[in-house]
Amino acid sequence: MDALLVCLRAAMAVRVSGLGRVCLRRKGVGSCLANPVFYAKVARLLGIGVRSVWPTLRFMRQCWCETSELPDDAALAGTRRLIGLGLMLAAVLPVLVVLMVWGIGA
């Protein structure tokens, strides 16, 4: 349970720092909200978050389960597919951040 609290606190810290970067920029909030790259970045982050729920629940269920049996191969393949998709979505995030910093799309 301690690891879950640490993960939740880390997720909240990421959200607070991101919100701070949007609200406390020198150019103001309007420069972020007028940039379509910002919305692409937010959509990617939401996609990563939604796609990570199922593997996280599966891992938590396996950790809290009292038996030591592993899930079947189809369940493992589905979980691996979702994790891979989340990693592919995350790979584009640095590019979107650089585009925002350079002012492309504004």
C-alpha atoms as a PDB file:
ATOM      1  CA  MET A   1       0.000   0.000   0.000  1.00  0.00           C
ATOM      2  CA  ASP A   2       2.952   2.313   0.610  1.00  0.00           C
ATOM      3  CA  ALA A   3       4.075   1.979  -3.017  1.00  0.00           C
ATOM      4  CA  LEU A   4       0.592   2.961  -4.179  1.00  0.00           C
ATOM      5  CA  LEU A   5       0.700   6.125  -2.078  1.00  0.00           C
ATOM      6  CA  VAL A   6       4.121   7.002  -3.447  1.00  0.00           C
ATOM      7  CA  CYS A   7       2.831   6.575  -7.012  1.00  0.00           C
ATOM      8  CA  LEU A   8      -0.238   8.695  -6.307  1.00  0.00           C
ATOM      9  CA  ARG A   9       1.889  11.441  -4.779  1.00  0.00           C
ATOM     10  CA  ALA A  10       4.253  11.367  -7.757  1.00  0.00           C
ATOM     11  CA  ALA A  11       1.314  11.628 -10.159  1.00  0.00           C
ATOM     12  CA  MET A  12      -0.071  14.595  -8.238  1.00  0.00           C
ATOM     13  CA  ALA A  13       3.353  16.276  -8.285  1.00  0.00           C
ATOM     14  CA  VAL A  14       3.493  15.892 -12.071  1.00  0.00           C
ATOM     15  CA  ARG A  15       0.021  17.400 -12.440  1.00  0.00           C
ATOM     16  CA  VAL A  16       0.798  20.333 -10.128  1.00  0.00           C
ATOM     17  CA  SER A  17       4.100  21.081 -11.859  1.00  0.00           C
ATOM     18  CA  GLY A  18       2.441  20.934 -15.298  1.00  0.00           C
ATOM     19  CA  LEU A  19      -0.360  23.220 -14.192  1.00  0.00           C
ATOM     20  CA  GLY A  20       2.214  25.585 -12.697  1.00  0.00           C
ATOM     21  CA  ARG A  21       4.148  25.674 -15.955  1.00  0.00           C
ATOM     22  CA  VAL A  22       0.983  26.576 -17.857  1.00  0.00           C
ATOM     23  CA  CYS A  23      -0.241  29.208 -15.401  1.00  0.00           C
ATOM     24  CA  LEU A  24       3.074  30.810 -14.436  1.00  0.00           C
ATOM     25  CA  ARG A  25       4.664  31.177 -17.869  1.00  0.00           C
ATOM     26  CA  ARG A  26       6.093  34.499 -18.910  1.00  0.00           C
ATOM     27  CA  LYS A  27       3.857  34.524 -21.972  1.00  0.00           C
ATOM     28  CA  GLY A  28       0.772  33.708 -19.932  1.00  0.00           C
ATOM     29  CA  VAL A  29      -1.910  31.060 -20.147  1.00  0.00           C
ATOM     30  CA  GLY A  30      -3.232  32.366 -23.448  1.00  0.00           C
ATOM     31  CA  SER A  31      -0.091  31.378 -25.323  1.00  0.00           C
ATOM     32  CA  CYS A  32      -0.520  27.760 -24.238  1.00  0.00           C
ATOM     33  CA  LEU A  33      -4.241  27.582 -24.827  1.00  0.00           C
ATOM     34  CA  ALA A  34      -3.917  29.087 -28.324  1.00  0.00           C
ATOM     35  CA  ASN A  35      -1.315  26.514 -29.363  1.00  0.00           C
ATOM     36  CA  PRO A  36      -2.653  23.325 -31.012  1.00  0.00           C
ATOM     37  CA  VAL A  37       0.533  21.501 -30.026  1.00  0.00           C
ATOM     38  CA  PHE A  38      -0.514  21.995 -26.395  1.00  0.00           C
ATOM     39  CA  TYR A  39      -3.771  20.164 -27.056  1.00  0.00           C
ATOM     40  CA  ALA A  40      -1.917  17.373 -28.871  1.00  0.00           C
ATOM     41  CA  LYS A  41       0.337  17.001 -25.837  1.00  0.00           C
ATOM     42  CA  VAL A  42      -2.595  16.936 -23.413  1.00  0.00           C
ATOM     43  CA  ALA A  43      -4.385  14.370 -25.600  1.00  0.00           C
ATOM     44  CA  ARG A  44      -1.283  12.161 -25.601  1.00  0.00           C
ATOM     45  CA  LEU A  45      -1.005  12.393 -21.826  1.00  0.00           C
ATOM     46  CA  LEU A  46      -4.664  11.487 -21.406  1.00  0.00           C
ATOM     47  CA  GLY A  47      -4.260   8.592 -23.822  1.00  0.00           C
ATOM     48  CA  ILE A  48      -1.271   7.296 -21.889  1.00  0.00           C
ATOM     49  CA  GLY A  49      -3.184   7.608 -18.621  1.00  0.00           C
ATOM     50  CA  VAL A  50      -6.249   5.813 -19.908  1.00  0.00           C
ATOM     51  CA  ARG A  51      -4.217   3.038 -21.467  1.00  0.00           C
ATOM     52  CA  SER A  52      -2.177   2.509 -18.299  1.00  0.00           C
ATOM     53  CA  VAL A  53      -5.200   1.870 -16.065  1.00  0.00           C
ATOM     54  CA  TRP A  54      -5.839  -1.708 -17.192  1.00  0.00           C
ATOM     55  CA  PRO A  55      -2.206  -2.951 -16.870  1.00  0.00           C
ATOM     56  CA  THR A  56      -1.905  -1.229 -13.492  1.00  0.00           C
ATOM     57  CA  LEU A  57      -5.052  -2.897 -12.185  1.00  0.00           C
ATOM     58  CA  ARG A  58      -3.860  -6.239 -13.538  1.00  0.00           C
ATOM     59  CA  PHE A  59      -0.473  -5.868 -11.812  1.00  0.00           C
ATOM     60  CA  MET A  60      -2.092  -4.802  -8.545  1.00  0.00           C
ATOM     61  CA  ARG A  61      -4.480  -7.759  -8.674  1.00  0.00           C
ATOM     62  CA  GLN A  62      -1.544 -10.112  -9.243  1.00  0.00           C
ATOM     63  CA  CYS A  63       0.428  -8.617  -6.337  1.00  0.00           C
ATOM     64  CA  TRP A  64      -2.490  -8.767  -3.904  1.00  0.00           C
ATOM     65  CA  CYS A  65      -3.573 -12.239  -4.984  1.00  0.00           C
ATOM     66  CA  GLU A  66      -2.745 -14.894  -2.415  1.00  0.00           C
ATOM     67  CA  THR A  67      -1.995 -17.575  -4.984  1.00  0.00           C
ATOM     68  CA  SER A  68       1.241 -17.646  -6.921  1.00  0.00           C
ATOM     69  CA  GLU A  69      -0.265 -18.667 -10.261  1.00  0.00           C
ATOM     70  CA  LEU A  70       0.474 -16.510 -13.267  1.00  0.00           C
ATOM     71  CA  PRO A  71      -2.160 -15.162 -15.672  1.00  0.00           C
ATOM     72  CA  ASP A  72      -2.688 -17.031 -18.936  1.00  0.00           C
ATOM     73  CA  ASP A  73      -0.732 -16.183 -22.078  1.00  0.00           C
ATOM     74  CA  ALA A  74      -3.573 -14.252 -23.714  1.00  0.00           C
ATOM     75  CA  ALA A  75      -3.896 -11.941 -20.699  1.00  0.00           C
ATOM     76  CA  LEU A  76      -0.137 -11.358 -20.625  1.00  0.00           C
ATOM     77  CA  ALA A  77      -0.083 -10.610 -24.359  1.00  0.00           C
ATOM     78  CA  GLY A  78      -2.909  -8.081 -23.982  1.00  0.00           C
ATOM     79  CA  THR A  79      -1.167  -6.375 -21.088  1.00  0.00           C
ATOM     80  CA  ARG A  80       2.110  -6.230 -23.011  1.00  0.00           C
ATOM     81  CA  ARG A  81       0.278  -4.760 -26.017  1.00  0.00           C
ATOM     82  CA  LEU A  82      -1.247  -1.989 -23.881  1.00  0.00           C
ATOM     83  CA  ILE A  83       2.097  -1.189 -22.262  1.00  0.00           C
ATOM     84  CA  GLY A  84       3.776  -1.038 -25.681  1.00  0.00           C
ATOM     85  CA  LEU A  85       1.066   1.282 -26.985  1.00  0.00           C
ATOM     86  CA  GLY A  86       1.531   3.563 -23.980  1.00  0.00           C
ATOM     87  CA  LEU A  87       5.289   3.640 -24.580  1.00  0.00           C
ATOM     88  CA  MET A  88       4.767   4.532 -28.242  1.00  0.00           C
ATOM     89  CA  LEU A  89       2.496   7.406 -27.217  1.00  0.00           C
ATOM     90  CA  ALA A  90       5.052   8.559 -24.649  1.00  0.00           C
ATOM     91  CA  ALA A  91       7.861   8.558 -27.214  1.00  0.00           C
ATOM     92  CA  VAL A  92       6.242  11.485 -29.045  1.00  0.00           C
ATOM     93  CA  LEU A  93       5.874  13.669 -25.927  1.00  0.00           C
ATOM     94  CA  PRO A  94       9.423  15.131 -25.981  1.00  0.00           C
ATOM     95  CA  VAL A  95       8.934  16.167 -29.607  1.00  0.00           C
ATOM     96  CA  LEU A  96       5.696  17.955 -28.727  1.00  0.00           C
ATOM     97  CA  VAL A  97       7.386  19.686 -25.788  1.00  0.00           C
ATOM     98  CA  VAL A  98      10.218  20.918 -28.019  1.00  0.00           C
ATOM     99  CA  LEU A  99       7.704  22.191 -30.569  1.00  0.00           C
ATOM    100  CA  MET A 100       5.933  24.132 -27.829  1.00  0.00           C
ATOM    101  CA  VAL A 101       9.175  25.586 -26.477  1.00  0.00           C
ATOM    102  CA  TRP A 102      10.204  26.726 -29.960  1.00  0.00           C
ATOM    103  CA  GLY A 103       6.815  28.365 -30.430  1.00  0.00           C
ATOM    104  CA  ILE A 104       5.787  26.192 -33.366  1.00  0.00           C
ATOM    105  CA  GLY A 105       2.038  26.020 -33.766  1.00  0.00           C
ATOM    106  CA  ALA A 106       1.362  29.304 -31.989  1.00  0.00           C
END
